[in-house]
Amino acid sequence: MKNSSEKLQSESKSAQKLESAGTKYDKPFKSVFPGKYIQGEGLIEELPDTIKSFGDKGLILSSPTAKKVCLDKHSKRFAEDGIEVIEFKGECCASEIMRISDMVISNEINVLVGVGGGKAIDTAKIVADRAEIPVIVVPTIASTDAPCSGCAVIYSENGHFESVYYQKMNPQVVLVDMNVMSNAPTRFLVAGMGDALSTWFEARSCKRTHSMNACGGYSTLAGLNLAKLCYDTILEYGPAAKRANGHKIITPALHHIVEANTLLSGIGFESSGLASAHAIHNGLSALDETHSFYHGEKVAFGVLAGLHLTDAPPAEMETVYSFCEKIGLPTTFEDIGLASIDKSQLTKVANKSCLPEESIHHEAGQITPEKVLCAMVAADAMGRGRKKDKLNYI
């Protein structure tokens, strides 16, 4: 029996045979990567040297928490190297982007660093792209696959989604300090695994339907195999990594999951494409009750609904549900704040998930709001049934 890598290579050879026989692809095969990905202990201390390798005038944009926890202890070194640290004001919005852009221009900054969570990092990526200077990304949590990507989300000042901004290049450096990651709240790591859980299933769907990826082409073998490696890694090391993070210790398992959440999922989603899980996440996010839950937690429920939508084999369902239960990812509506959800709310979610621009249309067949509603109800019913069975067993 062929392993997944051999199968993907076989499919690629078949596609090449079709092409040589006269069938031409209308888009190129395309993958994108950060310039460098560096993961290890104590890397914050090396940040000034990393900045100097790209320019002589650096500026660090940091979330307040990251500044206090990660950067203030190195303030003397930053000052000696002429690197200013400024605090992010909390929202990746037009006014904040303009504020940082003005500082970059007036101070003739030629290297920008984003330190913190997704919104601080996204702001740095957008400002650097517009100024045409290198950006260095230093994530302080492994909750999403955004740090390595060449896109960012712009919000209103009130935190409402406005648009996706695509940069000309992915970050020049992604610097992941494991001392920082090991001390972050465990819920962030688990949410990151929820986001990473979707990577392979969505990549697989895009491959099956010849749908384009997030960078304007078809997935390469590199993108597909990294997406599959991401899935295999979180299944194998997820529970052990969660335990390590809970004890604030650095282990090989924690290293593997931080890499899977950040690098493997980042390259996998951008180079292979999105499908039902993220579309259903977007639909769920329309309900105020879900706003206190993290991106990856809602994506995880989207994965389960997507498995029902696409008629996944029972064995695969068992694997994914068991993994979610083991590490604490949502498997029911109640787990994402929707214990009393009614049909009108579900219809709202399903309709938003199926908007023409949504990635759910990368799935095979005709996808309708009615099918998505049924898939979400089925996912919740299975999750509740499994919980009930475990309680009865205990």
Protein backbone atom coordinates (compact mmCIF):
# COMPACT_ATOMS: atom_id res chain seq x y z
CA MET A 1 0.00 0.00 0.00
CA LYS A 2 1.40 3.38 -0.97
CA ASN A 3 2.15 5.92 1.73
CA SER A 4 0.77 9.45 1.37
CA SER A 5 3.97 10.87 -0.15
CA GLU A 6 4.14 8.16 -2.83
CA LYS A 7 0.45 8.63 -3.58
CA LEU A 8 0.84 12.38 -4.06
CA GLN A 9 3.84 11.85 -6.33
CA SER A 10 1.83 9.32 -8.34
CA GLU A 11 -1.02 11.82 -8.74
CA SER A 12 1.44 14.47 -9.87
CA LYS A 13 2.92 12.12 -12.49
CA SER A 14 -0.58 11.35 -13.73
CA ALA A 15 -1.26 15.06 -14.06
CA GLN A 16 1.98 15.52 -15.98
CA LYS A 17 0.95 12.72 -18.37
CA LEU A 18 -2.36 14.47 -19.00
CA GLU A 19 -0.54 17.72 -19.65
CA SER A 20 1.84 16.11 -22.13
CA ALA A 21 -1.18 14.59 -23.87
CA GLY A 22 -2.64 18.04 -24.47
CA THR A 23 -4.38 19.00 -21.20
CA LYS A 24 -2.85 22.24 -19.93
CA TYR A 25 -3.16 23.74 -16.47
CA ASP A 26 -4.59 27.26 -16.60
CA LYS A 27 -2.57 28.34 -13.55
CA PRO A 28 1.00 27.62 -12.39
CA PHE A 29 1.93 25.38 -9.49
CA LYS A 30 2.92 27.78 -6.72
CA SER A 31 4.24 27.68 -3.16
CA VAL A 32 5.37 30.44 -0.82
CA PHE A 33 7.67 30.33 2.21
CA PRO A 34 9.17 32.73 4.76
CA GLY A 35 12.78 33.68 4.00
CA LYS A 36 14.02 32.05 7.20
CA TYR A 37 12.30 30.11 9.98
CA ILE A 38 14.33 29.94 13.18
CA GLN A 39 13.08 28.11 16.28
CA GLY A 40 15.03 27.66 19.51
CA GLU A 41 15.66 28.87 23.03
CA GLY A 42 16.78 32.40 23.90
CA LEU A 43 16.34 33.79 20.40
CA ILE A 44 14.93 37.12 21.64
CA GLU A 45 18.46 37.91 22.83
CA GLU A 46 19.70 37.50 19.26
CA LEU A 47 17.06 39.82 17.79
CA PRO A 48 19.39 42.86 17.48
CA ASP A 49 21.87 40.82 15.43
CA THR A 50 19.06 39.52 13.22
CA ILE A 51 17.88 43.09 12.64
CA LYS A 52 21.41 44.22 11.75
CA SER A 53 21.63 41.56 9.05
CA PHE A 54 18.91 43.43 7.15
CA GLY A 55 19.47 47.08 8.00
CA ASP A 56 20.92 49.66 10.37
CA LYS A 57 17.71 51.31 11.57
CA GLY A 58 15.30 48.93 13.27
CA LEU A 59 11.92 49.47 14.90
CA ILE A 60 10.06 46.90 17.02
CA LEU A 61 6.26 46.97 17.20
CA SER A 62 5.18 44.91 20.19
CA SER A 63 1.96 44.08 21.96
CA PRO A 64 1.99 45.49 25.53
CA THR A 65 2.08 42.02 27.08
CA ALA A 66 4.95 40.85 24.87
CA LYS A 67 6.88 44.03 25.63
CA LYS A 68 6.53 43.51 29.35
CA VAL A 69 7.18 39.77 29.37
CA CYS A 70 9.72 39.34 26.54
CA LEU A 71 11.39 42.61 25.61
CA ASP A 72 11.77 44.89 28.63
CA LYS A 73 14.50 42.70 30.10
CA HIS A 74 16.56 43.39 26.97
CA SER A 75 15.77 47.12 26.75
CA LYS A 76 19.35 48.17 27.45
CA ARG A 77 20.68 46.08 24.57
CA PHE A 78 18.01 47.43 22.21
CA ALA A 79 18.86 51.01 23.21
CA GLU A 80 22.57 50.41 22.67
CA ASP A 81 21.81 49.21 19.15
CA GLY A 82 19.53 52.16 18.43
CA ILE A 83 16.42 49.96 18.20
CA GLU A 84 13.24 51.61 19.45
CA VAL A 85 10.40 49.53 20.89
CA ILE A 86 6.86 50.91 20.54
CA GLU A 87 3.60 49.47 21.81
CA PHE A 88 0.86 48.23 19.53
CA LYS A 89 -2.50 49.83 20.32
CA GLY A 90 -4.53 46.65 19.95
CA GLU A 91 -6.18 46.69 16.54
CA CYS A 92 -4.85 46.08 13.03
CA CYS A 93 -6.88 48.92 11.56
CA ALA A 94 -6.31 51.79 9.13
CA SER A 95 -5.45 54.35 11.82
CA GLU A 96 -2.92 52.08 13.54
CA ILE A 97 -1.33 51.14 10.23
CA MET A 98 -1.02 54.83 9.37
CA ARG A 99 0.45 55.65 12.80
CA ILE A 100 3.23 53.08 12.43
CA SER A 101 3.77 53.95 8.76
CA ASP A 102 4.34 57.60 9.71
CA MET A 103 6.94 56.55 12.30
CA VAL A 104 8.72 54.34 9.76
CA ILE A 105 8.92 57.19 7.25
CA SER A 106 9.84 59.99 9.67
CA ASN A 107 12.55 57.92 11.39
CA GLU A 108 13.87 56.38 8.15
CA ILE A 109 13.34 52.86 9.50
CA ASN A 110 14.68 50.13 7.18
CA VAL A 111 13.77 47.01 9.24
CA LEU A 112 10.48 46.47 11.05
CA VAL A 113 9.84 43.78 13.66
CA GLY A 114 6.42 42.58 14.83
CA VAL A 115 6.33 40.92 18.27
CA GLY A 116 3.22 39.43 19.86
CA GLY A 117 -0.04 37.93 18.70
CA GLY A 118 -1.70 37.93 15.30
CA LYS A 119 -2.88 41.54 15.10
CA ALA A 120 0.45 43.11 16.12
CA ILE A 121 2.24 40.86 13.64
CA ASP A 122 -0.24 41.62 10.85
CA THR A 123 0.17 45.36 11.38
CA ALA A 124 3.95 45.05 11.10
CA LYS A 125 3.63 42.95 7.94
CA ILE A 126 1.34 45.46 6.24
CA VAL A 127 3.42 48.51 7.20
CA ALA A 128 6.65 46.86 6.06
CA ASP A 129 5.09 45.78 2.77
CA ARG A 130 3.87 49.30 2.00
CA ALA A 131 7.24 50.80 2.94
CA GLU A 132 9.05 48.09 0.95
CA ILE A 133 11.33 47.17 3.86
CA PRO A 134 12.08 43.76 5.44
CA VAL A 135 9.83 42.49 8.23
CA ILE A 136 10.85 40.12 11.01
CA VAL A 137 8.04 38.29 12.81
CA VAL A 138 8.40 37.14 16.42
CA PRO A 139 5.23 35.29 17.52
CA THR A 140 4.71 34.90 21.26
CA ILE A 141 1.93 32.30 21.01
CA ALA A 142 1.48 29.28 18.72
CA SER A 143 -2.26 29.80 18.30
CA THR A 144 -2.44 30.27 14.50
CA ASP A 145 -0.43 29.72 11.33
CA ALA A 146 -0.36 33.46 10.47
CA PRO A 147 3.29 34.30 11.31
CA CYS A 148 4.75 32.65 8.19
CA SER A 149 2.08 33.83 5.78
CA GLY A 150 2.12 36.61 3.21
CA CYS A 151 -1.35 37.87 4.09
CA ALA A 152 -2.87 39.85 6.93
CA VAL A 153 -6.37 40.79 8.09
CA ILE A 154 -7.44 44.42 8.44
CA TYR A 155 -10.20 45.28 10.93
CA SER A 156 -12.19 48.37 11.78
CA GLU A 157 -11.28 50.28 14.94
CA ASN A 158 -14.10 48.37 16.63
CA GLY A 159 -12.64 45.02 15.67
CA HIS A 160 -14.92 44.07 12.78
CA PHE A 161 -13.40 42.29 9.79
CA GLU A 162 -12.83 44.55 6.77
CA SER A 163 -10.44 42.91 4.31
CA VAL A 164 -7.49 40.62 3.67
CA TYR A 165 -4.25 42.33 2.68
CA TYR A 166 -1.78 40.33 0.58
CA GLN A 167 1.88 41.27 0.81
CA LYS A 168 4.33 41.07 -2.06
CA MET A 169 6.54 38.70 -0.04
CA ASN A 170 6.28 36.50 3.02
CA PRO A 171 8.24 37.63 6.11
CA GLN A 172 11.99 37.68 5.71
CA VAL A 173 12.45 35.99 9.10
CA VAL A 174 10.13 34.19 11.52
CA LEU A 175 11.86 33.93 14.89
CA VAL A 176 10.28 31.55 17.43
CA ASP A 177 11.70 31.65 20.95
CA MET A 178 10.74 28.45 22.76
CA ASN A 179 11.32 30.06 26.16
CA VAL A 180 8.45 32.37 25.32
CA MET A 181 6.26 29.66 23.80
CA SER A 182 6.63 27.29 26.74
CA ASN A 183 5.36 29.96 29.13
CA ALA A 184 2.32 30.95 27.07
CA PRO A 185 -1.14 29.77 28.22
CA THR A 186 -1.85 26.21 27.07
CA ARG A 187 -5.18 27.18 25.53
CA PHE A 188 -3.29 29.09 22.81
CA LEU A 189 -1.28 25.99 21.86
CA VAL A 190 -4.42 23.84 21.73
CA ALA A 191 -6.21 26.43 19.59
CA GLY A 192 -3.21 26.41 17.26
CA MET A 193 -3.63 22.67 16.88
CA GLY A 194 -7.26 23.26 15.95
CA ASP A 195 -6.18 25.60 13.17
CA ALA A 196 -3.45 23.18 12.08
CA LEU A 197 -5.92 20.27 12.11
CA SER A 198 -7.70 21.81 9.14
CA THR A 199 -4.61 22.17 6.97
CA TRP A 200 -4.46 18.68 5.50
CA PHE A 201 -8.21 18.22 5.00
CA GLU A 202 -8.53 21.54 3.18
CA ALA A 203 -5.38 20.91 1.13
CA ARG A 204 -6.75 17.50 0.15
CA SER A 205 -10.05 19.02 -0.95
CA CYS A 206 -8.32 21.65 -3.08
CA LYS A 207 -6.19 18.93 -4.69
CA ARG A 208 -9.27 16.82 -5.50
CA THR A 209 -11.17 19.70 -7.10
CA HIS A 210 -8.19 21.43 -8.73
CA SER A 211 -8.94 24.57 -6.72
CA MET A 212 -6.41 27.36 -6.39
CA ASN A 213 -4.42 27.95 -3.24
CA ALA A 214 -4.11 31.22 -1.32
CA CYS A 215 -1.18 32.43 -3.42
CA GLY A 216 -2.82 32.17 -6.83
CA GLY A 217 -1.79 28.77 -8.16
CA TYR A 218 -2.16 25.04 -7.74
CA SER A 219 -0.48 23.26 -4.87
CA THR A 220 2.98 21.83 -5.35
CA LEU A 221 4.04 18.50 -3.91
CA ALA A 222 5.90 20.47 -1.24
CA GLY A 223 2.71 22.20 -0.13
CA LEU A 224 0.66 19.00 -0.06
CA ASN A 225 3.27 16.93 1.76
CA LEU A 226 3.88 19.62 4.37
CA ALA A 227 0.12 19.81 4.95
CA LYS A 228 0.02 16.03 5.49
CA LEU A 229 3.11 16.19 7.73
CA CYS A 230 1.34 18.85 9.78
CA TYR A 231 -1.62 16.53 10.36
CA ASP A 232 0.54 13.52 11.21
CA THR A 233 2.65 15.60 13.61
CA ILE A 234 -0.23 17.01 15.65
CA LEU A 235 -1.84 13.57 15.97
CA GLU A 236 1.41 12.04 17.18
CA TYR A 237 2.77 14.76 19.46
CA GLY A 238 -0.25 16.92 20.38
CA PRO A 239 -1.15 15.39 23.76
CA ALA A 240 2.48 15.28 24.95
CA ALA A 241 3.05 18.88 23.82
CA LYS A 242 -0.02 20.02 25.73
CA ARG A 243 1.28 18.35 28.90
CA ALA A 244 4.70 19.96 28.45
CA ASN A 245 3.16 23.39 27.94
CA GLY A 246 1.00 22.87 31.01
CA HIS A 247 4.16 22.28 33.07
CA LYS A 248 6.01 25.19 31.36
CA ILE A 249 8.78 22.90 30.14
CA ILE A 250 10.41 22.55 26.73
CA THR A 251 10.37 19.05 25.26
CA PRO A 252 10.85 17.62 21.75
CA ALA A 253 7.05 17.17 21.53
CA LEU A 254 6.47 20.86 22.27
CA HIS A 255 9.08 21.79 19.64
CA HIS A 256 7.30 19.61 17.08
CA ILE A 257 3.85 21.09 17.78
CA VAL A 258 5.05 24.70 17.76
CA GLU A 259 6.63 23.99 14.37
CA ALA A 260 3.49 22.26 13.11
CA ASN A 261 1.18 25.07 14.28
CA THR A 262 3.42 27.83 12.93
CA LEU A 263 5.51 26.63 9.97
CA LEU A 264 3.94 23.44 8.60
CA SER A 265 0.39 24.75 8.82
CA GLY A 266 1.47 28.18 7.56
CA ILE A 267 3.08 26.82 4.42
CA GLY A 268 0.42 24.12 4.07
CA PHE A 269 -2.61 26.40 4.08
CA GLU A 270 -1.11 29.13 1.93
CA SER A 271 0.47 26.81 -0.61
CA SER A 272 -2.36 24.25 -0.78
CA GLY A 273 -5.57 26.19 -0.15
CA LEU A 274 -8.58 26.49 2.14
CA ALA A 275 -11.97 24.75 1.98
CA SER A 276 -14.91 24.03 4.29
CA ALA A 277 -13.33 24.34 7.76
CA HIS A 278 -12.37 28.00 7.43
CA ALA A 279 -15.60 28.92 5.65
CA ILE A 280 -17.64 27.41 8.48
CA HIS A 281 -15.40 29.26 10.95
CA ASN A 282 -16.29 32.49 9.15
CA GLY A 283 -19.96 31.62 9.40
CA LEU A 284 -19.72 30.84 13.12
CA SER A 285 -17.90 34.12 13.73
CA ALA A 286 -21.06 35.98 12.65
CA LEU A 287 -22.64 34.97 15.98
CA ASP A 288 -21.73 37.15 18.98
CA GLU A 289 -21.77 34.11 21.26
CA THR A 290 -18.65 32.72 19.56
CA HIS A 291 -16.51 35.86 19.88
CA SER A 292 -14.86 34.74 23.13
CA PHE A 293 -13.52 31.62 21.42
CA TYR A 294 -10.25 31.54 19.50
CA HIS A 295 -9.89 31.18 15.75
CA GLY A 296 -8.49 27.65 15.99
CA GLU A 297 -11.26 26.48 18.32
CA LYS A 298 -13.94 27.48 15.81
CA VAL A 299 -11.89 26.07 12.93
CA ALA A 300 -11.72 22.72 14.75
CA PHE A 301 -15.51 22.50 14.84
CA GLY A 302 -15.45 23.50 11.17
CA VAL A 303 -13.18 20.51 10.50
CA LEU A 304 -15.69 18.14 12.09
CA ALA A 305 -18.60 19.65 10.18
CA GLY A 306 -16.51 19.44 7.01
CA LEU A 307 -15.91 15.73 7.56
CA HIS A 308 -19.68 15.18 7.69
CA LEU A 309 -20.21 17.43 4.68
CA THR A 310 -17.71 15.47 2.56
CA ASP A 311 -18.75 11.98 3.72
CA ALA A 312 -15.45 11.15 5.40
CA PRO A 313 -14.88 7.46 6.29
CA PRO A 314 -15.97 6.42 9.81
CA ALA A 315 -12.39 5.53 10.76
CA GLU A 316 -11.21 9.04 9.90
CA MET A 317 -14.10 10.53 11.87
CA GLU A 318 -13.11 8.41 14.86
CA THR A 319 -9.48 9.57 14.65
CA VAL A 320 -10.32 13.26 14.45
CA TYR A 321 -13.03 13.23 17.13
CA SER A 322 -10.77 11.27 19.47
CA PHE A 323 -7.93 13.74 18.95
CA CYS A 324 -10.16 16.74 19.62
CA GLU A 325 -11.53 15.13 22.79
CA LYS A 326 -8.05 14.19 24.00
CA ILE A 327 -6.57 17.68 23.77
CA GLY A 328 -9.72 19.69 24.53
CA LEU A 329 -10.85 21.07 21.17
CA PRO A 330 -14.58 21.72 20.59
CA THR A 331 -16.74 18.87 19.32
CA THR A 332 -20.21 20.32 20.04
CA PHE A 333 -22.09 23.60 19.67
CA GLU A 334 -21.94 24.00 23.44
CA ASP A 335 -18.14 23.94 23.30
CA ILE A 336 -18.15 27.14 21.22
CA GLY A 337 -20.79 29.00 23.21
CA LEU A 338 -23.82 27.86 21.22
CA ALA A 339 -25.58 25.54 23.67
CA SER A 340 -28.99 27.06 22.90
CA ILE A 341 -28.53 27.73 19.19
CA ASP A 342 -31.71 27.63 17.11
CA LYS A 343 -32.38 26.94 13.45
CA SER A 344 -32.47 30.61 12.48
CA GLN A 345 -28.97 31.13 13.89
CA LEU A 346 -27.71 27.97 12.19
CA THR A 347 -29.19 29.17 8.93
CA LYS A 348 -27.32 32.46 9.33
CA VAL A 349 -24.06 30.55 9.85
CA ALA A 350 -24.70 28.26 6.89
CA ASN A 351 -25.62 31.13 4.56
CA LYS A 352 -22.48 33.08 5.47
CA SER A 353 -20.35 29.95 5.05
CA CYS A 354 -21.67 29.56 1.50
CA LEU A 355 -21.21 33.11 0.21
CA PRO A 356 -19.79 33.02 -3.35
CA GLU A 357 -16.35 34.18 -2.23
CA GLU A 358 -16.00 31.57 0.51
CA SER A 359 -13.52 28.69 0.27
CA ILE A 360 -16.21 26.08 0.97
CA HIS A 361 -16.78 25.96 -2.79
CA HIS A 362 -13.38 24.26 -3.10
CA GLU A 363 -15.13 21.11 -1.89
CA ALA A 364 -16.38 18.58 -4.43
CA GLY A 365 -19.97 18.76 -5.65
CA GLN A 366 -22.51 21.51 -5.23
CA ILE A 367 -22.34 22.96 -1.72
CA THR A 368 -25.52 24.57 -0.39
CA PRO A 369 -26.47 26.21 2.93
CA GLU A 370 -28.89 23.33 3.56
CA LYS A 371 -26.07 20.77 3.29
CA VAL A 372 -23.82 22.84 5.57
CA LEU A 373 -26.57 23.21 8.17
CA CYS A 374 -27.09 19.43 8.18
CA ALA A 375 -23.33 18.84 8.47
CA MET A 376 -23.05 21.15 11.49
CA VAL A 377 -25.98 19.49 13.23
CA ALA A 378 -24.50 16.06 12.49
CA ALA A 379 -21.10 17.13 13.86
CA ASP A 380 -22.69 18.41 17.07
CA ALA A 381 -24.88 15.31 17.44
CA MET A 382 -21.90 12.99 17.13
CA GLY A 383 -19.90 15.08 19.59
CA ARG A 384 -22.73 15.07 22.14
CA GLY A 385 -23.33 11.36 21.64
CA ARG A 386 -19.69 10.53 22.25
CA LYS A 387 -19.64 12.63 25.43
CA LYS A 388 -22.77 10.91 26.68
CA ASP A 389 -21.34 7.47 25.95
CA LYS A 390 -18.19 8.32 27.93
CA LEU A 391 -20.21 9.55 30.89
CA ASN A 392 -22.28 6.36 30.87
CA TYR A 393 -19.12 4.29 30.66
CA ILE A 394 -17.61 6.10 33.65
